Amino acid sequence: MSFFESYYNNVIKFDLVNKFVYCKLKKIPKIRKIIVDFGFKKSSIKELCTANLALELVTSKKGKFLISKKANLFFKIKKGDPIGCQVILRKNLMYNFFIKLIFEIFYKFKVRLQKNQTRKNYYSTISYKLNNKLLFAELEDNYNLFNKNLINLNLTIVSSKTNQKEFFYLINSFKQPFLI
């Protein structure tokens, strides 16, 4: 069990129950997954492979390629072309990556939120865009591979179905810094 998982079970759940009213314990908000991805507008095999390798080094989980569902004439993308790579972290890997984010990455700079807080399935989300990929020690050690080929790294933290007040209280209780 990760430190943040035990912290959530022992402290944050108790705080949420005292602050908000829940009929069932299953309705207490919880972080479900963290999505880490690189998205490309025009991509080559070399860029995709280096981005996938970077995701594997950072998250310690093998990534998958994202395939376009529709053709886009403006970006000259055909249907079925690879357009990025993605890793979805759950359970222990998610909490381990979350610890790395807070203690190694977010303390170095102030974080700004993107404006999408909801999705179609009504899960609460927060999205971050990291412009400097070399904040991660794994990528900095292999600077020769990743200095030119990578673009912005997108991080999305997805929570269970909640309203915004509960979601921001949950995120603040993990001591995660962000600006609105």
N, C-alpha and C. Protein backbone atom coordinates (compact mmCIF):
# COMPACT_ATOMS: atom_id res chain seq x y z
N MET A 1 0.84 -1.17 0.00
CA MET A 1 0.00 0.00 0.00
C MET A 1 0.89 1.24 0.00
N SER A 2 0.59 2.17 -0.88
CA SER A 2 1.35 3.39 -1.01
C SER A 2 1.04 4.35 0.14
N PHE A 3 1.95 5.30 0.34
CA PHE A 3 1.76 6.29 1.39
C PHE A 3 0.49 7.11 1.14
N PHE A 4 0.30 7.57 -0.11
CA PHE A 4 -0.89 8.38 -0.41
C PHE A 4 -2.17 7.57 -0.29
N GLU A 5 -2.12 6.29 -0.62
CA GLU A 5 -3.31 5.46 -0.50
C GLU A 5 -3.71 5.31 0.96
N SER A 6 -2.76 5.06 1.83
CA SER A 6 -3.07 4.96 3.25
C SER A 6 -3.49 6.32 3.82
N TYR A 7 -2.87 7.40 3.34
CA TYR A 7 -3.25 8.75 3.76
C TYR A 7 -4.69 9.04 3.35
N TYR A 8 -5.07 8.63 2.13
CA TYR A 8 -6.44 8.82 1.67
C TYR A 8 -7.41 8.03 2.55
N ASN A 9 -7.10 6.75 2.80
CA ASN A 9 -8.02 5.90 3.57
C ASN A 9 -8.15 6.34 5.02
N ASN A 10 -7.09 6.84 5.62
CA ASN A 10 -7.12 7.16 7.05
C ASN A 10 -7.45 8.61 7.36
N VAL A 11 -7.06 9.54 6.52
CA VAL A 11 -7.23 10.96 6.84
C VAL A 11 -8.25 11.65 5.94
N ILE A 12 -8.06 11.53 4.63
CA ILE A 12 -8.88 12.31 3.70
C ILE A 12 -10.33 11.84 3.71
N LYS A 13 -10.57 10.55 3.76
CA LYS A 13 -11.95 10.06 3.83
C LYS A 13 -12.67 10.62 5.05
N PHE A 14 -11.99 10.62 6.17
CA PHE A 14 -12.57 11.14 7.41
C PHE A 14 -12.89 12.63 7.27
N ASP A 15 -11.98 13.39 6.67
CA ASP A 15 -12.21 14.82 6.45
C ASP A 15 -13.38 15.07 5.51
N LEU A 16 -13.47 14.28 4.44
CA LEU A 16 -14.57 14.45 3.49
C LEU A 16 -15.92 14.13 4.12
N VAL A 17 -15.98 13.09 4.94
CA VAL A 17 -17.23 12.73 5.59
C VAL A 17 -17.65 13.82 6.57
N ASN A 18 -16.70 14.43 7.25
CA ASN A 18 -17.01 15.51 8.19
C ASN A 18 -17.39 16.81 7.49
N LYS A 19 -16.85 17.05 6.31
CA LYS A 19 -17.11 18.31 5.60
C LYS A 19 -18.39 18.24 4.77
N PHE A 20 -18.61 17.11 4.07
CA PHE A 20 -19.76 16.96 3.18
C PHE A 20 -20.66 15.84 3.70
N VAL A 21 -21.89 15.81 3.20
CA VAL A 21 -22.86 14.79 3.63
C VAL A 21 -22.95 13.72 2.54
N TYR A 22 -22.75 12.46 2.95
CA TYR A 22 -22.84 11.33 2.02
C TYR A 22 -23.82 10.30 2.59
N CYS A 23 -24.67 9.78 1.70
CA CYS A 23 -25.60 8.74 2.12
C CYS A 23 -24.90 7.38 2.20
N LYS A 24 -23.99 7.14 1.27
CA LYS A 24 -23.25 5.88 1.21
C LYS A 24 -21.77 6.17 1.18
N LEU A 25 -20.98 5.25 1.70
CA LEU A 25 -19.54 5.42 1.69
C LEU A 25 -18.95 5.32 0.29
N LYS A 26 -19.66 4.66 -0.62
CA LYS A 26 -19.17 4.54 -1.99
C LYS A 26 -19.22 5.87 -2.74
N LYS A 27 -19.97 6.84 -2.23
CA LYS A 27 -20.08 8.13 -2.90
C LYS A 27 -18.98 9.10 -2.52
N ILE A 28 -18.07 8.69 -1.63
CA ILE A 28 -16.94 9.53 -1.27
C ILE A 28 -16.02 9.62 -2.48
N PRO A 29 -15.61 10.82 -2.88
CA PRO A 29 -14.77 10.96 -4.08
C PRO A 29 -13.40 10.30 -3.91
N LYS A 30 -12.90 9.80 -5.02
CA LYS A 30 -11.63 9.09 -5.03
C LYS A 30 -10.95 9.37 -6.36
N ILE A 31 -9.63 9.42 -6.36
CA ILE A 31 -8.90 9.57 -7.61
C ILE A 31 -8.90 8.21 -8.31
N ARG A 32 -9.45 8.18 -9.52
CA ARG A 32 -9.60 6.92 -10.25
C ARG A 32 -8.37 6.56 -11.08
N LYS A 33 -7.85 7.56 -11.83
CA LYS A 33 -6.72 7.27 -12.72
C LYS A 33 -5.99 8.56 -13.06
N ILE A 34 -4.77 8.38 -13.53
CA ILE A 34 -3.97 9.48 -14.06
C ILE A 34 -3.59 9.12 -15.49
N ILE A 35 -3.88 10.03 -16.41
CA ILE A 35 -3.58 9.81 -17.82
C ILE A 35 -2.41 10.71 -18.20
N VAL A 36 -1.36 10.11 -18.73
CA VAL A 36 -0.16 10.84 -19.17
C VAL A 36 -0.03 10.60 -20.66
N ASP A 37 0.06 11.69 -21.45
CA ASP A 37 0.14 11.49 -22.89
C ASP A 37 0.92 12.60 -23.58
N PHE A 38 1.41 12.25 -24.76
CA PHE A 38 1.99 13.18 -25.71
C PHE A 38 1.07 13.15 -26.93
N GLY A 39 0.64 14.31 -27.38
CA GLY A 39 -0.17 14.39 -28.59
C GLY A 39 0.57 15.16 -29.66
N PHE A 40 0.57 14.66 -30.87
CA PHE A 40 1.28 15.30 -31.98
C PHE A 40 0.28 15.73 -33.04
N LYS A 41 0.54 16.85 -33.68
CA LYS A 41 -0.29 17.25 -34.82
C LYS A 41 0.22 16.56 -36.08
N LYS A 42 1.51 16.68 -36.32
CA LYS A 42 2.15 15.96 -37.42
C LYS A 42 3.24 15.12 -36.79
N SER A 43 3.16 13.84 -36.98
CA SER A 43 4.12 12.98 -36.29
C SER A 43 4.79 12.01 -37.25
N SER A 44 5.99 11.65 -36.89
CA SER A 44 6.72 10.63 -37.61
C SER A 44 6.94 9.45 -36.67
N ILE A 45 7.39 8.36 -37.22
CA ILE A 45 7.63 7.17 -36.41
C ILE A 45 8.70 7.44 -35.35
N LYS A 46 9.71 8.21 -35.72
CA LYS A 46 10.79 8.52 -34.78
C LYS A 46 10.27 9.30 -33.58
N GLU A 47 9.43 10.30 -33.82
CA GLU A 47 8.85 11.08 -32.72
C GLU A 47 7.97 10.23 -31.83
N LEU A 48 7.16 9.39 -32.44
CA LEU A 48 6.25 8.54 -31.66
C LEU A 48 7.02 7.54 -30.80
N CYS A 49 8.07 6.95 -31.36
CA CYS A 49 8.85 5.98 -30.60
C CYS A 49 9.59 6.63 -29.44
N THR A 50 10.16 7.82 -29.66
CA THR A 50 10.85 8.49 -28.56
C THR A 50 9.87 8.95 -27.49
N ALA A 51 8.69 9.40 -27.90
CA ALA A 51 7.67 9.80 -26.92
C ALA A 51 7.19 8.61 -26.11
N ASN A 52 7.00 7.48 -26.77
CA ASN A 52 6.57 6.27 -26.07
C ASN A 52 7.65 5.79 -25.09
N LEU A 53 8.91 5.87 -25.52
CA LEU A 53 10.01 5.52 -24.63
C LEU A 53 10.09 6.47 -23.43
N ALA A 54 9.86 7.75 -23.67
CA ALA A 54 9.87 8.74 -22.58
C ALA A 54 8.74 8.45 -21.59
N LEU A 55 7.57 8.11 -22.09
CA LEU A 55 6.45 7.76 -21.19
C LEU A 55 6.77 6.52 -20.38
N GLU A 56 7.40 5.55 -21.02
CA GLU A 56 7.76 4.32 -20.32
C GLU A 56 8.80 4.59 -19.22
N LEU A 57 9.75 5.48 -19.49
CA LEU A 57 10.75 5.82 -18.48
C LEU A 57 10.14 6.59 -17.31
N VAL A 58 9.24 7.50 -17.61
CA VAL A 58 8.66 8.36 -16.57
C VAL A 58 7.66 7.59 -15.71
N THR A 59 6.81 6.78 -16.32
CA THR A 59 5.72 6.14 -15.59
C THR A 59 5.99 4.69 -15.20
N SER A 60 7.03 4.09 -15.75
CA SER A 60 7.37 2.68 -15.55
C SER A 60 6.23 1.73 -15.96
N LYS A 61 5.48 2.14 -16.97
CA LYS A 61 4.45 1.30 -17.56
C LYS A 61 4.51 1.50 -19.07
N LYS A 62 4.28 0.43 -19.81
CA LYS A 62 4.36 0.49 -21.26
C LYS A 62 3.20 1.30 -21.82
N GLY A 63 3.51 2.21 -22.75
CA GLY A 63 2.49 3.07 -23.34
C GLY A 63 1.86 2.44 -24.57
N LYS A 64 0.78 3.05 -25.01
CA LYS A 64 0.13 2.59 -26.24
C LYS A 64 -0.02 3.78 -27.18
N PHE A 65 -0.06 3.49 -28.47
CA PHE A 65 -0.18 4.53 -29.47
C PHE A 65 -1.65 4.90 -29.65
N LEU A 66 -1.91 6.19 -29.87
CA LEU A 66 -3.25 6.67 -30.14
C LEU A 66 -3.42 6.76 -31.65
N ILE A 67 -4.54 6.27 -32.15
CA ILE A 67 -4.83 6.24 -33.57
C ILE A 67 -5.96 7.22 -33.85
N SER A 68 -5.84 7.99 -34.94
CA SER A 68 -6.89 8.96 -35.27
C SER A 68 -8.15 8.23 -35.73
N LYS A 69 -9.29 8.73 -35.26
CA LYS A 69 -10.57 8.12 -35.61
C LYS A 69 -11.17 8.76 -36.86
N LYS A 70 -10.79 10.03 -37.09
CA LYS A 70 -11.31 10.75 -38.24
C LYS A 70 -10.16 11.37 -39.01
N ALA A 71 -10.40 11.62 -40.28
CA ALA A 71 -9.40 12.32 -41.09
C ALA A 71 -9.49 13.82 -40.82
N ASN A 72 -8.35 14.49 -40.84
CA ASN A 72 -8.29 15.93 -40.63
C ASN A 72 -7.45 16.53 -41.75
N LEU A 73 -8.10 17.23 -42.66
CA LEU A 73 -7.39 17.77 -43.81
C LEU A 73 -6.48 18.93 -43.43
N PHE A 74 -6.84 19.67 -42.41
CA PHE A 74 -6.03 20.82 -42.00
C PHE A 74 -4.66 20.37 -41.51
N PHE A 75 -4.60 19.30 -40.73
CA PHE A 75 -3.33 18.79 -40.23
C PHE A 75 -2.75 17.69 -41.12
N LYS A 76 -3.42 17.36 -42.22
CA LYS A 76 -3.00 16.32 -43.16
C LYS A 76 -2.87 14.96 -42.45
N ILE A 77 -3.92 14.62 -41.70
CA ILE A 77 -3.95 13.35 -40.97
C ILE A 77 -5.03 12.48 -41.60
N LYS A 78 -4.66 11.26 -41.92
CA LYS A 78 -5.61 10.29 -42.46
C LYS A 78 -6.23 9.50 -41.33
N LYS A 79 -7.35 8.90 -41.60
CA LYS A 79 -7.99 8.04 -40.62
C LYS A 79 -7.10 6.81 -40.39
N GLY A 80 -6.82 6.51 -39.13
CA GLY A 80 -5.98 5.37 -38.80
C GLY A 80 -4.52 5.69 -38.60
N ASP A 81 -4.11 6.94 -38.80
CA ASP A 81 -2.72 7.33 -38.57
C ASP A 81 -2.44 7.47 -37.07
N PRO A 82 -1.24 7.11 -36.62
CA PRO A 82 -0.91 7.33 -35.21
C PRO A 82 -0.70 8.82 -34.95
N ILE A 83 -1.30 9.33 -33.86
CA ILE A 83 -1.22 10.77 -33.56
C ILE A 83 -0.64 11.05 -32.18
N GLY A 84 -0.29 10.05 -31.43
CA GLY A 84 0.28 10.28 -30.11
C GLY A 84 0.44 8.98 -29.36
N CYS A 85 0.84 9.09 -28.10
CA CYS A 85 0.96 7.92 -27.25
C CYS A 85 0.47 8.29 -25.85
N GLN A 86 0.03 7.26 -25.11
CA GLN A 86 -0.66 7.49 -23.86
C GLN A 86 -0.40 6.35 -22.88
N VAL A 87 -0.39 6.70 -21.59
CA VAL A 87 -0.31 5.72 -20.51
C VAL A 87 -1.40 6.06 -19.51
N ILE A 88 -2.16 5.06 -19.11
CA ILE A 88 -3.20 5.24 -18.09
C ILE A 88 -2.74 4.50 -16.84
N LEU A 89 -2.59 5.25 -15.74
CA LEU A 89 -2.11 4.69 -14.48
C LEU A 89 -3.26 4.51 -13.51
N ARG A 90 -3.30 3.34 -12.89
CA ARG A 90 -4.32 3.05 -11.88
C ARG A 90 -3.66 2.37 -10.69
N LYS A 91 -4.32 2.43 -9.55
CA LYS A 91 -3.92 1.75 -8.30
C LYS A 91 -2.53 2.15 -7.84
N ASN A 92 -1.64 1.19 -7.58
CA ASN A 92 -0.34 1.48 -6.99
C ASN A 92 0.54 2.34 -7.88
N LEU A 93 0.55 2.07 -9.18
CA LEU A 93 1.36 2.88 -10.10
C LEU A 93 0.87 4.33 -10.11
N MET A 94 -0.44 4.51 -10.00
CA MET A 94 -1.00 5.86 -9.98
C MET A 94 -0.52 6.62 -8.74
N TYR A 95 -0.58 5.99 -7.57
CA TYR A 95 -0.15 6.65 -6.34
C TYR A 95 1.36 6.91 -6.34
N ASN A 96 2.14 5.98 -6.87
CA ASN A 96 3.59 6.19 -6.95
C ASN A 96 3.94 7.36 -7.88
N PHE A 97 3.24 7.44 -9.02
CA PHE A 97 3.47 8.55 -9.94
C PHE A 97 3.00 9.86 -9.33
N PHE A 98 1.90 9.82 -8.58
CA PHE A 98 1.36 11.01 -7.91
C PHE A 98 2.36 11.55 -6.89
N ILE A 99 3.02 10.66 -6.16
CA ILE A 99 4.06 11.07 -5.21
C ILE A 99 5.21 11.74 -5.95
N LYS A 100 5.61 11.15 -7.09
CA LYS A 100 6.69 11.72 -7.89
C LYS A 100 6.31 13.11 -8.40
N LEU A 101 5.06 13.27 -8.83
CA LEU A 101 4.61 14.56 -9.32
C LEU A 101 4.68 15.64 -8.25
N ILE A 102 4.16 15.34 -7.09
CA ILE A 102 4.06 16.36 -6.05
C ILE A 102 5.42 16.69 -5.46
N PHE A 103 6.23 15.69 -5.17
CA PHE A 103 7.49 15.94 -4.47
C PHE A 103 8.66 16.28 -5.39
N GLU A 104 8.61 15.90 -6.66
CA GLU A 104 9.73 16.17 -7.55
C GLU A 104 9.42 17.19 -8.64
N ILE A 105 8.18 17.29 -9.07
CA ILE A 105 7.87 18.13 -10.22
C ILE A 105 7.16 19.42 -9.83
N PHE A 106 6.05 19.32 -9.10
CA PHE A 106 5.22 20.50 -8.85
C PHE A 106 5.85 21.50 -7.90
N TYR A 107 6.79 21.09 -7.08
CA TYR A 107 7.38 22.06 -6.17
C TYR A 107 8.35 22.99 -6.89
N LYS A 108 8.78 22.64 -8.11
CA LYS A 108 9.76 23.44 -8.84
C LYS A 108 9.15 24.69 -9.48
N PHE A 109 7.85 24.68 -9.72
CA PHE A 109 7.22 25.80 -10.39
C PHE A 109 5.75 25.87 -9.99
N LYS A 110 5.10 26.99 -10.32
CA LYS A 110 3.67 27.13 -10.08
C LYS A 110 2.93 26.51 -11.25
N VAL A 111 1.86 25.81 -10.94
CA VAL A 111 1.13 25.05 -11.95
C VAL A 111 -0.15 25.79 -12.31
N ARG A 112 -0.44 25.89 -13.59
CA ARG A 112 -1.70 26.47 -14.06
C ARG A 112 -2.60 25.37 -14.59
N LEU A 113 -3.88 25.51 -14.32
CA LEU A 113 -4.86 24.54 -14.78
C LEU A 113 -5.34 24.86 -16.18
N GLN A 114 -5.66 23.82 -16.93
CA GLN A 114 -6.42 24.03 -18.15
C GLN A 114 -7.89 24.11 -17.74
N LYS A 115 -8.73 24.59 -18.61
CA LYS A 115 -10.09 24.92 -18.22
C LYS A 115 -11.10 23.77 -18.31
N ASN A 116 -10.72 22.56 -18.74
CA ASN A 116 -11.71 21.49 -18.84
C ASN A 116 -11.78 20.74 -17.52
N GLN A 117 -12.89 20.90 -16.81
CA GLN A 117 -13.07 20.24 -15.54
C GLN A 117 -14.05 19.06 -15.65
N THR A 118 -14.75 18.91 -16.75
CA THR A 118 -15.68 17.80 -16.88
C THR A 118 -15.52 17.15 -18.25
N ARG A 119 -15.96 15.92 -18.34
CA ARG A 119 -15.96 15.17 -19.59
C ARG A 119 -17.36 14.66 -19.86
N LYS A 120 -17.51 13.87 -20.91
CA LYS A 120 -18.83 13.35 -21.25
C LYS A 120 -19.40 12.44 -20.18
N ASN A 121 -18.54 11.66 -19.53
CA ASN A 121 -19.02 10.71 -18.54
C ASN A 121 -19.13 11.34 -17.15
N TYR A 122 -18.99 12.67 -17.06
CA TYR A 122 -19.20 13.45 -15.85
C TYR A 122 -18.23 13.12 -14.72
N TYR A 123 -17.07 12.63 -15.04
CA TYR A 123 -16.03 12.50 -14.03
C TYR A 123 -15.35 13.86 -13.89
N SER A 124 -14.93 14.18 -12.70
CA SER A 124 -14.21 15.44 -12.49
C SER A 124 -12.76 15.24 -12.88
N THR A 125 -12.21 16.18 -13.62
CA THR A 125 -10.82 16.06 -14.07
C THR A 125 -10.08 17.37 -13.88
N ILE A 126 -8.78 17.24 -13.75
CA ILE A 126 -7.86 18.38 -13.80
C ILE A 126 -6.79 18.02 -14.81
N SER A 127 -6.49 18.96 -15.70
CA SER A 127 -5.46 18.72 -16.71
C SER A 127 -4.31 19.69 -16.53
N TYR A 128 -3.11 19.17 -16.65
CA TYR A 128 -1.89 19.97 -16.59
C TYR A 128 -1.15 19.81 -17.90
N LYS A 129 -0.48 20.86 -18.32
CA LYS A 129 0.38 20.80 -19.49
C LYS A 129 1.77 21.21 -19.05
N LEU A 130 2.72 20.28 -19.14
CA LEU A 130 4.10 20.56 -18.75
C LEU A 130 4.91 20.89 -19.99
N ASN A 131 5.39 22.13 -20.07
CA ASN A 131 6.19 22.56 -21.22
C ASN A 131 7.61 22.03 -21.16
N ASN A 132 8.17 21.96 -19.97
CA ASN A 132 9.55 21.48 -19.81
C ASN A 132 9.52 20.00 -19.44
N LYS A 133 9.82 19.16 -20.41
CA LYS A 133 9.78 17.72 -20.17
C LYS A 133 10.96 17.24 -19.35
N LEU A 134 12.03 18.01 -19.32
CA LEU A 134 13.24 17.57 -18.63
C LEU A 134 13.17 17.80 -17.12
N LEU A 135 11.98 18.12 -16.60
CA LEU A 135 11.80 18.19 -15.15
C LEU A 135 11.92 16.81 -14.52
N PHE A 136 11.58 15.78 -15.29
CA PHE A 136 11.69 14.41 -14.81
C PHE A 136 13.16 13.99 -14.86
N ALA A 137 13.64 13.40 -13.80
CA ALA A 137 15.05 13.02 -13.71
C ALA A 137 15.40 11.96 -14.76
N GLU A 138 14.47 11.07 -15.07
CA GLU A 138 14.73 10.01 -16.05
C GLU A 138 14.99 10.59 -17.44
N LEU A 139 14.24 11.64 -17.79
CA LEU A 139 14.42 12.26 -19.10
C LEU A 139 15.65 13.15 -19.13
N GLU A 140 15.97 13.76 -18.00
CA GLU A 140 17.16 14.61 -17.94
C GLU A 140 18.43 13.78 -18.07
N ASP A 141 18.43 12.56 -17.51
CA ASP A 141 19.59 11.68 -17.63
C ASP A 141 19.86 11.27 -19.07
N ASN A 142 18.79 11.14 -19.86
CA ASN A 142 18.91 10.76 -21.28
C ASN A 142 18.62 11.97 -22.17
N TYR A 143 19.27 13.06 -21.89
CA TYR A 143 19.02 14.32 -22.60
C TYR A 143 19.23 14.20 -24.11
N ASN A 144 20.20 13.42 -24.54
CA ASN A 144 20.51 13.30 -25.97
C ASN A 144 19.35 12.71 -26.76
N LEU A 145 18.57 11.84 -26.16
CA LEU A 145 17.44 11.24 -26.87
C LEU A 145 16.23 12.16 -26.94
N PHE A 146 16.00 12.95 -25.88
CA PHE A 146 14.71 13.62 -25.74
C PHE A 146 14.76 15.14 -25.87
N ASN A 147 15.87 15.73 -26.25
CA ASN A 147 15.95 17.19 -26.22
C ASN A 147 15.13 17.87 -27.31
N LYS A 148 15.02 17.30 -28.51
CA LYS A 148 14.31 17.98 -29.60
C LYS A 148 12.99 17.34 -29.97
N ASN A 149 12.86 16.06 -29.76
CA ASN A 149 11.73 15.35 -30.33
C ASN A 149 10.43 15.45 -29.53
N LEU A 150 10.49 15.79 -28.26
CA LEU A 150 9.29 15.79 -27.44
C LEU A 150 8.61 17.15 -27.44
N ILE A 151 7.28 17.10 -27.38
CA ILE A 151 6.51 18.33 -27.22
C ILE A 151 5.90 18.33 -25.82
N ASN A 152 4.85 19.08 -25.61
CA ASN A 152 4.26 19.22 -24.28
C ASN A 152 3.69 17.90 -23.76
N LEU A 153 3.93 17.66 -22.49
CA LEU A 153 3.42 16.48 -21.80
C LEU A 153 2.11 16.86 -21.14
N ASN A 154 1.07 16.09 -21.38
CA ASN A 154 -0.25 16.35 -20.81
C ASN A 154 -0.52 15.37 -19.68
N LEU A 155 -0.94 15.89 -18.53
CA LEU A 155 -1.31 15.07 -17.38
C LEU A 155 -2.77 15.35 -17.06
N THR A 156 -3.55 14.30 -16.88
CA THR A 156 -4.95 14.45 -16.51
C THR A 156 -5.22 13.57 -15.30
N ILE A 157 -5.76 14.18 -14.25
CA ILE A 157 -6.12 13.44 -13.04
C ILE A 157 -7.63 13.32 -13.03
N VAL A 158 -8.14 12.08 -13.00
CA VAL A 158 -9.56 11.81 -13.09
C VAL A 158 -10.05 11.29 -11.75
N SER A 159 -11.15 11.87 -11.28
CA SER A 159 -11.75 11.49 -10.00
C SER A 159 -13.10 10.83 -10.25
N SER A 160 -13.68 10.26 -9.20
CA SER A 160 -15.01 9.69 -9.32
C SER A 160 -16.03 10.80 -9.47
N LYS A 161 -17.28 10.46 -9.69
CA LYS A 161 -18.32 11.44 -9.94
C LYS A 161 -18.53 12.31 -8.70
N THR A 162 -18.20 13.59 -8.85
CA THR A 162 -18.36 14.53 -7.74
C THR A 162 -18.71 15.90 -8.29
N ASN A 163 -19.09 16.78 -7.40
CA ASN A 163 -19.21 18.17 -7.83
C ASN A 163 -17.85 18.84 -7.67
N GLN A 164 -17.74 20.07 -8.16
CA GLN A 164 -16.43 20.73 -8.17
C GLN A 164 -15.91 21.04 -6.78
N LYS A 165 -16.79 21.39 -5.86
CA LYS A 165 -16.35 21.70 -4.50
C LYS A 165 -15.68 20.51 -3.85
N GLU A 166 -16.31 19.36 -3.96
CA GLU A 166 -15.75 18.13 -3.37
C GLU A 166 -14.44 17.76 -4.06
N PHE A 167 -14.40 17.93 -5.38
CA PHE A 167 -13.20 17.56 -6.13
C PHE A 167 -12.01 18.43 -5.74
N PHE A 168 -12.21 19.75 -5.67
CA PHE A 168 -11.11 20.63 -5.29
C PHE A 168 -10.70 20.41 -3.84
N TYR A 169 -11.64 20.06 -2.98
CA TYR A 169 -11.29 19.74 -1.60
C TYR A 169 -10.42 18.47 -1.56
N LEU A 170 -10.78 17.49 -2.38
CA LEU A 170 -10.00 16.25 -2.46
C LEU A 170 -8.58 16.53 -2.96
N ILE A 171 -8.45 17.32 -4.01
CA ILE A 171 -7.13 17.63 -4.56
C ILE A 171 -6.31 18.46 -3.56
N ASN A 172 -6.93 19.43 -2.91
CA ASN A 172 -6.22 20.24 -1.92
C ASN A 172 -5.79 19.41 -0.72
N SER A 173 -6.56 18.40 -0.37
CA SER A 173 -6.20 17.57 0.78
C SER A 173 -4.97 16.70 0.49
N PHE A 174 -4.66 16.45 -0.77
CA PHE A 174 -3.42 15.76 -1.13
C PHE A 174 -2.24 16.72 -1.17
N LYS A 175 -2.49 17.97 -0.81
CA LYS A 175 -1.45 19.02 -0.79
C LYS A 175 -0.86 19.24 -2.17
N GLN A 176 -1.70 19.18 -3.18
CA GLN A 176 -1.25 19.39 -4.55
C GLN A 176 -1.41 20.86 -4.91
N PRO A 177 -0.34 21.53 -5.32
CA PRO A 177 -0.44 22.96 -5.63
C PRO A 177 -1.02 23.18 -7.02
N PHE A 178 -1.92 24.16 -7.14
CA PHE A 178 -2.40 24.57 -8.44
C PHE A 178 -3.01 25.96 -8.34
N LEU A 179 -3.06 26.64 -9.46
CA LEU A 179 -3.69 27.95 -9.56
C LEU A 179 -4.88 27.83 -10.49
N ILE A 180 -5.91 28.57 -10.21
CA ILE A 180 -7.09 28.55 -11.08
C ILE A 180 -7.04 29.73 -12.03
